[in-house]
Amino acid sequence: MPFPVTSPSLTRALAQRGYADPTAVQSAVLAPETEGRDLLVSAQTGSGKTVAFGLALASTVLGESETMPATHAPLVLVIAPTRELALQVHAELTWLYEFTRARILSCVGGMDPRREARMLAAGCHFVVGTPGRLKDHIERGNLRLDELEAVVLDEADEMLDLGFREELEFILSEAPQSRRTLLFSATIAREIAALARTYQQNALRIDTVAANQPHADIEYRAIRVLAHEQEAALVNILRAQDSRALVFCATRDTVRTLHANLTARGFTAVALSGDLSQVERNAALSALRESRAQVCIATDVAARGLDLPDLDLVIHADLPTNKATFLHRSGRTGRAGRKGVSVLLVPPQRRRRAEMLLREANAEAIWLTPPTPDEIHAKDEERLLTHPLLHETPDATKLALAAKLLERTNPELIAAAFVKLAQANLPAPAEITVLPPESTRPARAPHTTKADRAMVGHGSWFRVALGRKQNADPRWLVPLICKAGGITKQEIGAIRIFDRETKFEIAHEAAYAFANAAAAQSEARIEPAAPPGAARPHFDGKPKPGLPKKTPGKPRFAKPDGKLNEQQRRRRNKAGHA
């Protein structure tokens, strides 16, 4: 189905970019009933929204003309939540309106506001910016909205999440009432609907995705990993996948640490966090887009609105805090019809949280363990055997040089040199604990309490050398056990405190991972133990090897000649045996 576009200029731009068929959201906003109306659109990230509203605005700002009319004040204002998204929208509209002679400016934080003011004074047709910077230019008189014909709010839900309601309301109140307002959002939540009722007129609502529908182009995977081996698991996933990846972390500190560690291991990695300047952020994104970097480690805020073409892999190094964040992160891949993979790293203590996220997002995940070094080496071998250079037709110069090499060198040595060169920059895989398959781990009986598990023997027992002598108390023992073994308190059963040690029960399904994690930490020595009250080995009366025989009837502290010592004599006299 061709694009329903009447402007030859836009048709030419689409053809030059290879756009043949519209996406679902593009078809929806270009339907005849949308002509000239306000639109409230929900669509997945990566569905072609920028081209959609760019084409939808053509009838408003172009009309029957092939070129944009002369104007001093802007005709279209596009508001985006982040600098990266605003710059991406600017780039998309620039090529789409290339043959219309439209002037398109960006106004975003981190750039020189004086330069932006000079460009606004020179006149333009489109302004794309972030709420804070746009409000600043309006208040300073740099940005006039009196000739505005349309306003677009791109990813409005994220703008509200980031706290830009006040700025949005200010900008929209300054715009002419006769304008068109196009509002795009991943979900139409209550706040978005209220914003639409206030600032739109008889808006047509368009839903291009069914409610609770997971992204069809994304495969979800949940990787079971020990808590202290999450970085090792990340390394092996990156090595096994061998594609550009976006890794999400919860904090800036984690981004910095992980970026440094991955770089030290040999990965070409860049970082994105809120403490970077715009120049540094642009450099990082350019490196990733131009394939000079393989991995981008980012916080949620830094990656909002991020559009990275050909991104195949998203990894949640830290679990998302909610469903919206999970869907937003995952939506950075699987864009524009491409397939993508979203991977959750799930330590045992976060298993239930991960399952809840997947359930809320209505996403079916495949539960796996991290790739092992042997599996990665096998993939390396497979990739080497299908290396593109082996299937290219060399020119005459290269063939002549190859012939000289064969005359002087053994073919096996040449092949070995090729293998060495091809794998020279591959980071080494990390050694990792192989967890048992899920099917071999007995499930916990439903609706059982800690006491129930203790009584029916559903747990495995461990000991720690902390008891009453060390003021052992469950209030601080439970957090210590959870931290040492990477589990939650729900997986701890009975606790028995003795004078010099404490024995505690761990649910069977968590015991294997707990034992490995506890053995790797150094805060408290934890080891497997027999259950409290277990019968001791039967003593058959025979002397143990290496121990002296006891003489029957002989006093315990008798001297070698059989005479009692002074202490024994006093005890016997006191007992009436003198």
Protein backbone atom coordinates (compact mmCIF):
# COMPACT_ATOMS: atom_id res chain seq x y z
CA MET A 1 0.00 0.00 0.00
CA PRO A 2 1.65 3.31 -1.07
CA PHE A 3 1.74 6.41 1.12
CA PRO A 4 -1.45 8.48 0.72
CA VAL A 5 0.59 11.67 0.20
CA THR A 6 -0.32 14.27 -2.44
CA SER A 7 2.74 16.53 -2.09
CA PRO A 8 5.34 15.68 -4.78
CA SER A 9 8.09 17.08 -2.55
CA LEU A 10 7.28 14.69 0.31
CA THR A 11 6.74 11.77 -2.07
CA ARG A 12 10.18 12.37 -3.53
CA ALA A 13 11.77 12.47 -0.04
CA LEU A 14 10.06 9.21 0.96
CA ALA A 15 11.18 7.46 -2.21
CA GLN A 16 14.75 8.65 -1.75
CA ARG A 17 14.79 7.16 1.75
CA GLY A 18 13.32 3.86 0.56
CA TYR A 19 9.91 4.26 2.22
CA ALA A 20 7.51 2.11 0.20
CA ASP A 21 4.70 1.11 2.56
CA PRO A 22 3.39 3.05 5.57
CA THR A 23 3.43 1.61 9.07
CA ALA A 24 0.22 1.16 11.05
CA VAL A 25 0.47 4.54 12.79
CA GLN A 26 1.34 6.31 9.52
CA SER A 27 -1.69 4.82 7.77
CA ALA A 28 -3.92 5.76 10.72
CA VAL A 29 -2.94 9.44 10.92
CA LEU A 30 -3.18 9.86 7.12
CA ALA A 31 -6.70 8.45 6.87
CA PRO A 32 -9.25 10.86 5.30
CA GLU A 33 -11.15 11.41 8.57
CA THR A 34 -8.02 12.89 10.26
CA GLU A 35 -7.76 15.81 7.83
CA GLY A 36 -7.31 19.05 9.77
CA ARG A 37 -8.30 17.55 13.15
CA ASP A 38 -6.57 17.36 16.50
CA LEU A 39 -5.23 13.85 17.09
CA LEU A 40 -4.65 11.83 20.26
CA VAL A 41 -2.48 8.91 19.17
CA SER A 42 -1.13 5.93 21.12
CA ALA A 43 1.57 3.94 19.37
CA GLN A 44 4.57 1.82 20.21
CA THR A 45 8.05 3.34 20.20
CA GLY A 46 9.85 2.77 16.92
CA SER A 47 6.61 2.65 14.94
CA GLY A 48 7.41 5.61 12.68
CA LYS A 49 5.63 8.34 14.66
CA THR A 50 7.90 11.18 13.52
CA VAL A 51 7.27 10.52 9.83
CA ALA A 52 3.59 10.04 10.68
CA PHE A 53 3.04 13.49 12.17
CA GLY A 54 5.41 15.06 9.64
CA LEU A 55 3.16 13.81 6.85
CA ALA A 56 -0.03 14.61 8.79
CA LEU A 57 1.05 18.27 9.07
CA ALA A 58 1.68 18.63 5.33
CA SER A 59 -1.92 19.61 4.51
CA THR A 60 -1.82 22.25 7.25
CA VAL A 61 1.50 23.95 6.45
CA LEU A 62 1.97 23.12 2.74
CA GLY A 63 -1.52 22.94 1.31
CA GLU A 64 -1.31 22.55 -2.47
CA SER A 65 2.13 24.14 -2.68
CA GLU A 66 5.35 22.18 -3.20
CA THR A 67 7.45 24.55 -1.11
CA MET A 68 6.93 26.17 2.29
CA PRO A 69 5.60 29.74 2.31
CA ALA A 70 7.75 32.64 3.43
CA THR A 71 7.38 33.29 7.15
CA HIS A 72 9.25 34.88 10.00
CA ALA A 73 7.65 33.18 13.00
CA PRO A 74 7.44 29.37 13.10
CA LEU A 75 4.39 27.50 11.77
CA VAL A 76 4.97 24.24 13.66
CA LEU A 77 6.24 23.60 17.19
CA VAL A 78 7.31 20.07 18.16
CA ILE A 79 7.92 19.41 21.87
CA ALA A 80 9.95 16.35 22.92
CA PRO A 81 10.93 15.13 26.42
CA THR A 82 14.70 14.83 25.94
CA ARG A 83 17.54 16.39 24.00
CA GLU A 84 18.28 13.17 22.14
CA LEU A 85 14.69 12.71 20.98
CA ALA A 86 14.38 16.37 19.97
CA LEU A 87 17.54 16.13 17.87
CA GLN A 88 16.33 12.90 16.27
CA VAL A 89 12.97 14.47 15.41
CA HIS A 90 14.84 17.45 13.95
CA ALA A 91 16.90 15.12 11.75
CA GLU A 92 13.82 13.18 10.57
CA LEU A 93 11.85 16.30 9.66
CA THR A 94 14.90 17.75 7.92
CA TRP A 95 15.09 14.96 5.34
CA LEU A 96 11.31 14.63 5.05
CA TYR A 97 10.89 18.33 4.20
CA GLU A 98 14.19 18.65 2.33
CA PHE A 99 12.59 19.46 -1.03
CA THR A 100 10.06 21.92 0.42
CA ARG A 101 12.81 24.41 1.40
CA ALA A 102 11.63 24.33 4.99
CA ARG A 103 13.86 25.80 7.72
CA ILE A 104 13.86 23.52 10.76
CA LEU A 105 15.55 24.55 14.00
CA SER A 106 16.23 22.72 17.29
CA CYS A 107 16.21 24.34 20.73
CA VAL A 108 17.43 22.00 23.45
CA GLY A 109 19.25 22.14 26.75
CA GLY A 110 23.01 21.78 26.58
CA MET A 111 23.31 23.87 23.43
CA ASP A 112 24.24 27.57 23.16
CA PRO A 113 20.99 29.54 23.77
CA ARG A 114 22.43 32.69 22.15
CA ARG A 115 23.07 30.86 18.89
CA GLU A 116 19.52 29.45 19.01
CA ALA A 117 18.14 32.98 19.59
CA ARG A 118 20.00 34.29 16.53
CA MET A 119 18.63 31.45 14.36
CA LEU A 120 15.09 32.06 15.64
CA ALA A 121 15.46 35.75 14.81
CA ALA A 122 16.43 34.82 11.24
CA GLY A 123 13.12 33.00 10.80
CA CYS A 124 12.08 29.35 10.44
CA HIS A 125 9.12 27.06 9.67
CA PHE A 126 9.59 24.30 12.29
CA VAL A 127 10.98 24.49 15.83
CA VAL A 128 11.77 21.26 17.66
CA GLY A 129 12.74 21.52 21.30
CA THR A 130 12.57 20.41 24.90
CA PRO A 131 10.00 22.00 27.26
CA GLY A 132 12.42 23.89 29.49
CA ARG A 133 14.43 25.48 26.68
CA LEU A 134 11.30 26.38 24.67
CA LYS A 135 9.71 28.06 27.70
CA ASP A 136 12.91 30.03 28.28
CA HIS A 137 12.96 31.31 24.67
CA ILE A 138 9.28 32.29 24.85
CA GLU A 139 9.78 34.21 28.10
CA ARG A 140 12.80 36.04 26.65
CA GLY A 141 10.88 36.99 23.51
CA ASN A 142 13.10 34.91 21.22
CA LEU A 143 10.31 32.52 20.16
CA ARG A 144 7.06 33.96 18.83
CA LEU A 145 4.03 31.68 18.62
CA ASP A 146 1.49 34.10 17.08
CA GLU A 147 1.70 32.49 13.59
CA LEU A 148 1.72 28.92 14.89
CA GLU A 149 -0.53 26.56 12.95
CA ALA A 150 0.24 23.27 14.72
CA VAL A 151 1.74 21.92 17.95
CA VAL A 152 3.01 18.34 18.32
CA LEU A 153 3.62 16.73 21.73
CA ASP A 154 5.85 13.72 21.10
CA GLU A 155 6.00 11.05 23.83
CA ALA A 156 3.77 13.14 26.09
CA ASP A 157 3.69 10.43 28.78
CA GLU A 158 7.45 10.72 29.25
CA MET A 159 7.25 14.50 29.49
CA LEU A 160 4.76 14.18 32.33
CA ASP A 161 6.88 11.48 33.99
CA LEU A 162 9.87 13.83 33.88
CA GLY A 163 7.91 16.62 35.56
CA PHE A 164 7.35 18.97 32.61
CA ARG A 165 3.63 19.57 33.18
CA GLU A 166 4.12 23.22 34.18
CA GLU A 167 6.27 23.97 31.11
CA LEU A 168 3.83 22.21 28.78
CA GLU A 169 0.85 24.10 30.14
CA PHE A 170 2.73 27.40 29.78
CA ILE A 171 3.72 26.72 26.14
CA LEU A 172 0.26 25.49 25.12
CA SER A 173 -1.44 28.48 26.77
CA GLU A 174 0.81 30.82 24.75
CA ALA A 175 -0.06 29.16 21.42
CA PRO A 176 -3.03 30.39 19.33
CA GLN A 177 -6.37 28.71 20.04
CA SER A 178 -6.88 28.03 16.32
CA ARG A 179 -3.87 25.73 16.07
CA ARG A 180 -3.96 21.97 15.47
CA THR A 181 -2.66 19.90 18.39
CA LEU A 182 -1.27 16.40 17.76
CA LEU A 183 -0.50 14.43 20.91
CA PHE A 184 1.50 11.19 20.67
CA SER A 185 1.99 8.87 23.65
CA ALA A 186 2.94 5.25 24.22
CA THR A 187 -0.09 4.89 26.51
CA ILE A 188 -3.13 7.07 27.07
CA ALA A 189 -3.06 7.24 30.85
CA ARG A 190 -5.42 9.38 32.95
CA GLU A 191 -3.01 12.35 32.99
CA ILE A 192 -2.61 12.25 29.21
CA ALA A 193 -6.36 12.12 28.69
CA ALA A 194 -6.80 15.13 31.01
CA LEU A 195 -4.15 17.07 29.10
CA ALA A 196 -5.90 16.25 25.83
CA ARG A 197 -9.29 17.42 27.12
CA THR A 198 -7.80 20.73 28.24
CA TYR A 199 -5.70 21.64 25.21
CA GLN A 200 -7.29 19.78 22.28
CA GLN A 201 -10.55 20.44 20.47
CA ASN A 202 -12.71 17.49 19.44
CA ALA A 203 -9.62 15.30 19.15
CA LEU A 204 -9.78 12.04 17.20
CA ARG A 205 -8.34 9.21 19.27
CA ILE A 206 -6.23 6.66 17.41
CA ASP A 207 -5.04 3.44 19.06
CA THR A 208 -2.63 1.47 16.90
CA VAL A 209 -1.87 -1.15 19.55
CA ALA A 210 -4.35 -3.20 21.55
CA ALA A 211 -4.27 -2.69 25.30
CA ASN A 212 -1.72 -4.90 27.13
CA GLN A 213 -0.34 -6.10 23.79
CA PRO A 214 3.39 -6.90 24.06
CA HIS A 215 5.73 -5.72 21.33
CA ALA A 216 5.44 -8.37 18.63
CA ASP A 217 8.95 -7.76 17.26
CA ILE A 218 10.75 -8.25 20.59
CA GLU A 219 11.80 -11.60 22.04
CA TYR A 220 12.00 -11.50 25.84
CA ARG A 221 14.57 -13.56 27.73
CA ALA A 222 15.11 -13.89 31.48
CA ILE A 223 18.61 -15.03 32.44
CA ARG A 224 18.94 -16.76 35.82
CA VAL A 225 22.24 -15.70 37.36
CA LEU A 226 23.85 -15.59 40.79
CA ALA A 227 23.86 -12.10 42.28
CA HIS A 228 27.66 -11.81 42.44
CA GLU A 229 28.01 -13.03 38.83
CA GLN A 230 25.75 -10.51 37.09
CA GLU A 231 28.62 -8.70 35.40
CA ALA A 232 30.12 -12.00 34.26
CA ALA A 233 26.74 -12.99 32.82
CA LEU A 234 26.51 -9.64 31.01
CA VAL A 235 29.96 -10.17 29.49
CA ASN A 236 29.02 -13.61 28.19
CA ILE A 237 25.68 -12.43 26.78
CA LEU A 238 27.42 -9.62 24.88
CA ARG A 239 30.03 -12.05 23.56
CA ALA A 240 27.48 -14.66 22.53
CA GLN A 241 25.10 -12.20 20.84
CA ASP A 242 27.88 -10.27 19.05
CA SER A 243 25.67 -7.32 18.11
CA ARG A 244 25.19 -3.73 19.18
CA ALA A 245 23.60 -3.57 22.60
CA LEU A 246 22.07 -1.04 24.97
CA VAL A 247 22.61 -1.89 28.66
CA PHE A 248 20.37 -0.22 31.24
CA CYS A 249 21.54 0.52 34.79
CA ALA A 250 19.71 2.09 37.72
CA THR A 251 22.27 4.74 38.72
CA ARG A 252 25.00 6.92 37.25
CA ASP A 253 27.61 5.25 39.50
CA THR A 254 26.69 1.84 38.12
CA VAL A 255 26.98 3.20 34.57
CA ARG A 256 30.46 4.55 35.26
CA THR A 257 31.63 1.33 36.96
CA LEU A 258 30.21 -0.98 34.31
CA HIS A 259 31.57 1.17 31.47
CA ALA A 260 35.06 1.09 33.00
CA ASN A 261 34.93 -2.69 33.58
CA LEU A 262 33.66 -3.53 30.09
CA THR A 263 36.24 -1.25 28.49
CA ALA A 264 38.98 -2.93 30.54
CA ARG A 265 37.78 -6.32 29.28
CA GLY A 266 38.20 -5.19 25.67
CA PHE A 267 34.68 -4.10 24.68
CA THR A 268 34.24 -0.91 22.67
CA ALA A 269 31.74 0.74 25.01
CA VAL A 270 30.28 4.21 25.54
CA ALA A 271 28.31 5.60 28.48
CA LEU A 272 25.21 7.80 28.68
CA SER A 273 24.18 9.43 31.93
CA GLY A 274 22.80 12.73 33.13
CA ASP A 275 26.18 14.08 34.26
CA LEU A 276 27.58 14.15 30.70
CA SER A 277 27.57 17.30 28.59
CA GLN A 278 25.59 17.40 25.36
CA VAL A 279 28.81 17.24 23.35
CA GLU A 280 29.83 14.06 25.20
CA ARG A 281 26.38 12.54 24.71
CA ASN A 282 26.42 13.32 21.00
CA ALA A 283 29.88 11.79 20.65
CA ALA A 284 28.74 8.61 22.42
CA LEU A 285 25.67 8.24 20.19
CA SER A 286 27.69 8.91 17.04
CA ALA A 287 30.16 6.19 18.00
CA LEU A 288 27.32 3.71 18.45
CA ARG A 289 25.48 4.68 15.25
CA GLU A 290 28.67 4.52 13.20
CA SER A 291 29.61 1.10 14.66
CA ARG A 292 32.73 2.48 16.35
CA ALA A 293 31.23 1.25 19.63
CA GLN A 294 29.45 -2.02 20.29
CA VAL A 295 27.86 -1.37 23.69
CA CYS A 296 26.12 1.65 25.23
CA ILE A 297 25.59 1.66 29.02
CA ALA A 298 22.91 4.13 30.07
CA THR A 299 20.51 5.23 32.78
CA ASP A 300 16.78 5.39 32.10
CA VAL A 301 16.66 9.19 31.94
CA ALA A 302 19.66 9.43 29.58
CA ALA A 303 18.14 6.89 27.19
CA ARG A 304 14.61 8.33 27.03
CA GLY A 305 13.56 8.81 23.44
CA LEU A 306 16.78 7.23 22.20
CA ASP A 307 16.54 5.96 18.62
CA LEU A 308 19.44 3.74 17.58
CA PRO A 309 19.01 2.14 14.16
CA ASP A 310 19.85 -1.55 13.85
CA LEU A 311 19.95 -2.05 17.64
CA ASP A 312 19.33 -5.76 18.17
CA LEU A 313 19.81 -6.20 21.91
CA VAL A 314 18.63 -4.50 25.11
CA ILE A 315 19.95 -5.79 28.45
CA HIS A 316 18.46 -4.84 31.81
CA ALA A 317 21.54 -5.07 34.04
CA ASP A 318 19.36 -3.68 36.84
CA LEU A 319 15.70 -4.68 36.80
CA PRO A 320 13.27 -1.92 35.77
CA THR A 321 11.33 -0.27 38.57
CA ASN A 322 7.92 -0.61 36.87
CA LYS A 323 6.11 -1.82 33.76
CA ALA A 324 6.36 1.51 31.93
CA THR A 325 10.14 1.62 32.37
CA PHE A 326 10.42 -2.01 31.28
CA LEU A 327 8.44 -1.37 28.08
CA HIS A 328 10.28 1.86 27.38
CA ARG A 329 13.69 0.20 27.76
CA SER A 330 12.70 -2.80 25.68
CA GLY A 331 11.21 -0.54 23.01
CA ARG A 332 14.66 0.73 22.06
CA THR A 333 14.98 -2.45 19.97
CA GLY A 334 12.49 -4.12 17.62
CA ARG A 335 11.92 -0.83 15.81
CA ALA A 336 10.66 -0.14 12.28
CA GLY A 337 9.87 -3.78 11.58
CA ARG A 338 13.22 -5.18 12.79
CA LYS A 339 13.40 -8.00 15.32
CA GLY A 340 15.03 -7.42 18.68
CA VAL A 341 15.88 -9.14 21.96
CA SER A 342 15.24 -7.83 25.47
CA VAL A 343 17.18 -9.61 28.24
CA LEU A 344 16.53 -9.43 31.99
CA LEU A 345 19.34 -10.44 34.38
CA VAL A 346 17.53 -12.10 37.28
CA PRO A 347 19.37 -13.10 40.49
CA PRO A 348 17.47 -15.47 42.81
CA GLN A 349 16.36 -12.72 45.20
CA ARG A 350 14.77 -10.78 42.32
CA ARG A 351 12.99 -13.70 40.67
CA ARG A 352 9.52 -12.76 41.88
CA ARG A 353 10.01 -9.13 40.88
CA ALA A 354 10.98 -10.17 37.36
CA GLU A 355 7.98 -12.48 37.05
CA MET A 356 5.68 -9.67 38.19
CA LEU A 357 7.12 -7.26 35.61
CA LEU A 358 6.67 -9.75 32.81
CA ARG A 359 3.13 -10.53 33.94
CA GLU A 360 2.18 -6.83 34.11
CA ALA A 361 3.65 -6.23 30.64
CA ASN A 362 1.88 -9.33 29.31
CA ALA A 363 5.24 -10.51 27.97
CA GLU A 364 6.21 -14.17 27.70
CA ALA A 365 9.90 -14.65 28.51
CA ILE A 366 12.16 -17.63 27.88
CA TRP A 367 14.02 -18.53 31.10
CA LEU A 368 17.65 -19.39 30.40
CA THR A 369 21.08 -19.54 32.02
CA PRO A 370 24.01 -17.37 30.81
CA PRO A 371 26.13 -18.67 27.93
CA THR A 372 29.18 -20.62 29.08
CA PRO A 373 32.70 -20.05 27.69
CA ASP A 374 32.44 -23.31 25.73
CA GLU A 375 29.19 -22.18 24.10
CA ILE A 376 30.74 -18.81 23.24
CA HIS A 377 33.83 -20.44 21.69
CA ALA A 378 31.51 -22.62 19.59
CA LYS A 379 29.70 -19.50 18.35
CA ASP A 380 33.05 -17.85 17.60
CA GLU A 381 34.00 -20.85 15.49
CA GLU A 382 30.69 -20.76 13.65
CA ARG A 383 31.04 -17.04 12.94
CA LEU A 384 34.62 -17.53 11.74
CA LEU A 385 33.63 -20.25 9.28
CA THR A 386 31.02 -17.93 7.79
CA HIS A 387 33.21 -14.81 7.86
CA PRO A 388 32.26 -12.42 5.01
CA LEU A 389 35.88 -12.19 3.81
CA LEU A 390 35.83 -15.92 3.03
CA HIS A 391 32.99 -15.40 0.58
CA GLU A 392 34.18 -12.28 -1.20
CA THR A 393 35.70 -12.43 -4.66
CA PRO A 394 39.21 -10.95 -4.33
CA ASP A 395 40.68 -8.71 -7.01
CA ALA A 396 43.71 -9.64 -9.10
CA THR A 397 46.18 -7.86 -6.83
CA LYS A 398 45.05 -9.75 -3.75
CA LEU A 399 45.05 -13.06 -5.64
CA ALA A 400 48.63 -12.47 -6.77
CA LEU A 401 49.71 -11.69 -3.21
CA ALA A 402 47.88 -14.78 -1.95
CA ALA A 403 49.77 -16.92 -4.46
CA LYS A 404 53.10 -15.56 -3.19
CA LEU A 405 52.06 -16.35 0.38
CA LEU A 406 51.23 -19.94 -0.58
CA GLU A 407 54.64 -20.31 -2.25
CA ARG A 408 56.45 -19.23 0.91
CA THR A 409 54.21 -20.39 3.73
CA ASN A 410 52.36 -23.54 4.72
CA PRO A 411 48.56 -23.16 4.06
CA GLU A 412 47.78 -24.25 7.61
CA LEU A 413 49.96 -21.44 8.99
CA ILE A 414 48.18 -18.92 6.77
CA ALA A 415 44.79 -20.18 7.98
CA ALA A 416 45.97 -20.02 11.61
CA ALA A 417 47.14 -16.43 11.08
CA PHE A 418 43.72 -15.54 9.67
CA VAL A 419 42.03 -17.07 12.75
CA LYS A 420 44.35 -15.11 15.04
CA LEU A 421 43.64 -11.83 13.26
CA ALA A 422 39.89 -12.42 13.13
CA GLN A 423 39.69 -13.15 16.86
CA ALA A 424 42.38 -10.77 18.08
CA ASN A 425 40.01 -8.19 19.55
CA LEU A 426 37.43 -10.54 21.03
CA PRO A 427 37.08 -10.09 24.82
CA ALA A 428 37.62 -13.26 26.83
CA PRO A 429 34.43 -14.94 28.11
CA ALA A 430 33.91 -14.98 31.88
CA GLU A 431 33.80 -18.13 33.97
CA ILE A 432 30.33 -18.53 35.40
CA THR A 433 28.39 -20.94 37.61
CA VAL A 434 26.14 -23.25 35.62
CA LEU A 435 22.81 -23.35 37.42
CA PRO A 436 20.75 -26.56 37.22
CA PRO A 437 17.82 -26.63 34.79
CA GLU A 438 14.53 -25.32 36.13
CA SER A 439 12.87 -28.70 35.71
CA THR A 440 15.25 -30.34 38.23
CA ARG A 441 14.45 -27.89 41.00
CA PRO A 442 11.47 -29.02 43.08
CA ALA A 443 8.77 -26.38 43.34
CA ARG A 444 7.80 -25.11 46.74
CA ALA A 445 4.48 -26.44 47.97
CA PRO A 446 1.79 -23.77 47.64
CA HIS A 447 0.58 -21.82 50.68
CA THR A 448 3.28 -23.14 53.01
CA THR A 449 4.68 -21.12 55.88
CA LYS A 450 8.21 -21.15 57.25
CA ALA A 451 7.12 -23.44 60.05
CA ASP A 452 5.45 -25.80 57.56
CA ARG A 453 8.67 -26.04 55.53
CA ALA A 454 10.68 -26.77 58.68
CA MET A 455 8.33 -29.51 59.82
CA VAL A 456 7.96 -31.34 56.52
CA GLY A 457 11.65 -31.05 55.65
CA HIS A 458 11.27 -28.96 52.49
CA GLY A 459 14.49 -27.04 53.14
CA SER A 460 18.23 -27.54 53.13
CA TRP A 461 20.12 -26.66 56.32
CA PHE A 462 23.18 -24.43 56.65
CA ARG A 463 25.20 -23.13 59.59
CA VAL A 464 27.03 -19.92 60.41
CA ALA A 465 29.52 -19.60 63.28
CA LEU A 466 27.50 -16.96 65.13
CA GLY A 467 25.50 -17.88 68.21
CA ARG A 468 24.32 -16.62 71.58
CA LYS A 469 27.90 -15.89 72.60
CA GLN A 470 27.95 -13.33 69.74
CA ASN A 471 24.46 -11.99 70.59
CA ALA A 472 22.98 -13.62 67.49
CA ASP A 473 19.48 -12.36 66.76
CA PRO A 474 17.17 -13.07 63.77
CA ARG A 475 16.70 -9.33 63.26
CA TRP A 476 20.26 -8.99 61.95
CA LEU A 477 20.93 -12.60 61.01
CA VAL A 478 18.20 -12.63 58.33
CA PRO A 479 19.61 -9.61 56.40
CA LEU A 480 23.11 -11.10 56.71
CA ILE A 481 21.92 -14.44 55.28
CA CYS A 482 19.99 -12.74 52.47
CA LYS A 483 22.97 -10.61 51.48
CA ALA A 484 25.48 -13.47 51.70
CA GLY A 485 23.43 -15.89 49.62
CA GLY A 486 21.51 -13.58 47.31
CA ILE A 487 18.04 -14.64 48.46
CA THR A 488 14.92 -13.07 49.95
CA LYS A 489 13.69 -13.59 53.50
CA GLN A 490 10.75 -15.58 52.10
CA GLU A 491 13.23 -18.31 51.15
CA ILE A 492 14.53 -18.67 54.71
CA GLY A 493 12.77 -21.27 56.83
CA ALA A 494 13.40 -22.12 60.45
CA ILE A 495 16.29 -20.55 62.38
CA ARG A 496 17.87 -22.27 65.40
CA ILE A 497 20.35 -20.28 67.50
CA PHE A 498 22.83 -22.19 69.69
CA ASP A 499 25.68 -21.02 71.91
CA ARG A 500 28.37 -20.83 69.25
CA GLU A 501 26.50 -21.28 65.97
CA THR A 502 23.18 -20.74 64.21
CA LYS A 503 21.52 -23.24 61.92
CA PHE A 504 18.98 -22.09 59.38
CA GLU A 505 16.87 -23.60 56.63
CA ILE A 506 16.84 -22.51 52.96
CA ALA A 507 14.09 -23.57 50.56
CA HIS A 508 15.30 -26.37 48.30
CA GLU A 509 14.66 -24.45 45.07
CA ALA A 510 17.01 -21.68 46.25
CA ALA A 511 19.58 -23.83 48.07
CA TYR A 512 21.89 -24.51 45.12
CA ALA A 513 22.26 -20.86 44.19
CA PHE A 514 22.50 -19.90 47.87
CA ALA A 515 25.39 -22.30 48.50
CA ASN A 516 27.39 -20.97 45.55
CA ALA A 517 26.79 -17.33 46.44
CA ALA A 518 27.58 -17.88 50.13
CA ALA A 519 30.83 -19.68 49.30
CA ALA A 520 32.00 -16.72 47.19
CA GLN A 521 31.53 -14.05 49.87
CA SER A 522 33.84 -13.34 52.79
CA GLU A 523 31.66 -11.56 55.37
CA ALA A 524 30.46 -14.67 57.18
CA ARG A 525 31.46 -18.29 56.80
CA ILE A 526 28.36 -20.23 55.80
CA GLU A 527 28.41 -23.94 55.08
CA PRO A 528 25.96 -26.87 54.76
CA ALA A 529 24.88 -28.47 58.03
CA ALA A 530 22.84 -31.32 59.44
CA PRO A 531 19.35 -30.39 60.69
CA PRO A 532 19.12 -29.54 64.41
CA GLY A 533 18.56 -32.64 66.52
CA ALA A 534 19.76 -35.04 63.86
CA ALA A 535 21.01 -38.30 65.35
CA ARG A 536 24.74 -38.48 65.86
CA PRO A 537 26.66 -41.43 64.40
CA HIS A 538 26.23 -44.54 66.59
CA PHE A 539 29.22 -45.38 68.81
CA ASP A 540 29.79 -49.12 68.80
CA GLY A 541 32.29 -49.17 71.65
CA LYS A 542 35.25 -49.88 69.42
CA PRO A 543 38.16 -47.51 69.70
CA LYS A 544 38.54 -45.05 66.83
CA PRO A 545 41.73 -45.40 64.80
CA GLY A 546 44.56 -43.31 66.17
CA LEU A 547 43.03 -42.89 69.70
CA PRO A 548 44.39 -44.61 72.83
CA LYS A 549 42.32 -47.30 74.44
CA LYS A 550 40.56 -46.50 77.69
CA THR A 551 41.18 -48.78 80.63
CA PRO A 552 37.83 -49.96 82.07
CA GLY A 553 37.24 -48.70 85.61
CA LYS A 554 40.34 -46.58 85.59
CA PRO A 555 39.80 -43.02 86.91
CA ARG A 556 39.77 -40.38 84.18
CA PHE A 557 42.62 -38.36 85.62
CA ALA A 558 44.69 -41.24 87.08
CA LYS A 559 48.42 -41.00 86.98
CA PRO A 560 50.29 -43.59 84.93
CA ASP A 561 50.93 -45.71 88.07
CA GLY A 562 47.19 -45.90 88.81
CA LYS A 563 47.31 -43.72 91.93
CA LEU A 564 44.80 -40.92 92.42
CA ASN A 565 45.99 -37.36 92.23
CA GLU A 566 45.22 -34.87 95.01
CA GLN A 567 42.20 -33.34 93.26
CA GLN A 568 40.58 -36.74 92.66
CA ARG A 569 41.22 -37.77 96.26
CA ARG A 570 39.45 -34.67 97.62
CA ARG A 571 36.45 -35.29 95.37
CA ARG A 572 36.14 -38.92 96.50
CA ASN A 573 36.43 -37.98 100.19
CA LYS A 574 33.74 -35.34 99.77
CA ALA A 575 31.43 -37.91 98.16
CA GLY A 576 31.85 -40.29 101.10
CA HIS A 577 34.12 -42.79 99.40
CA ALA A 578 37.20 -42.23 101.54
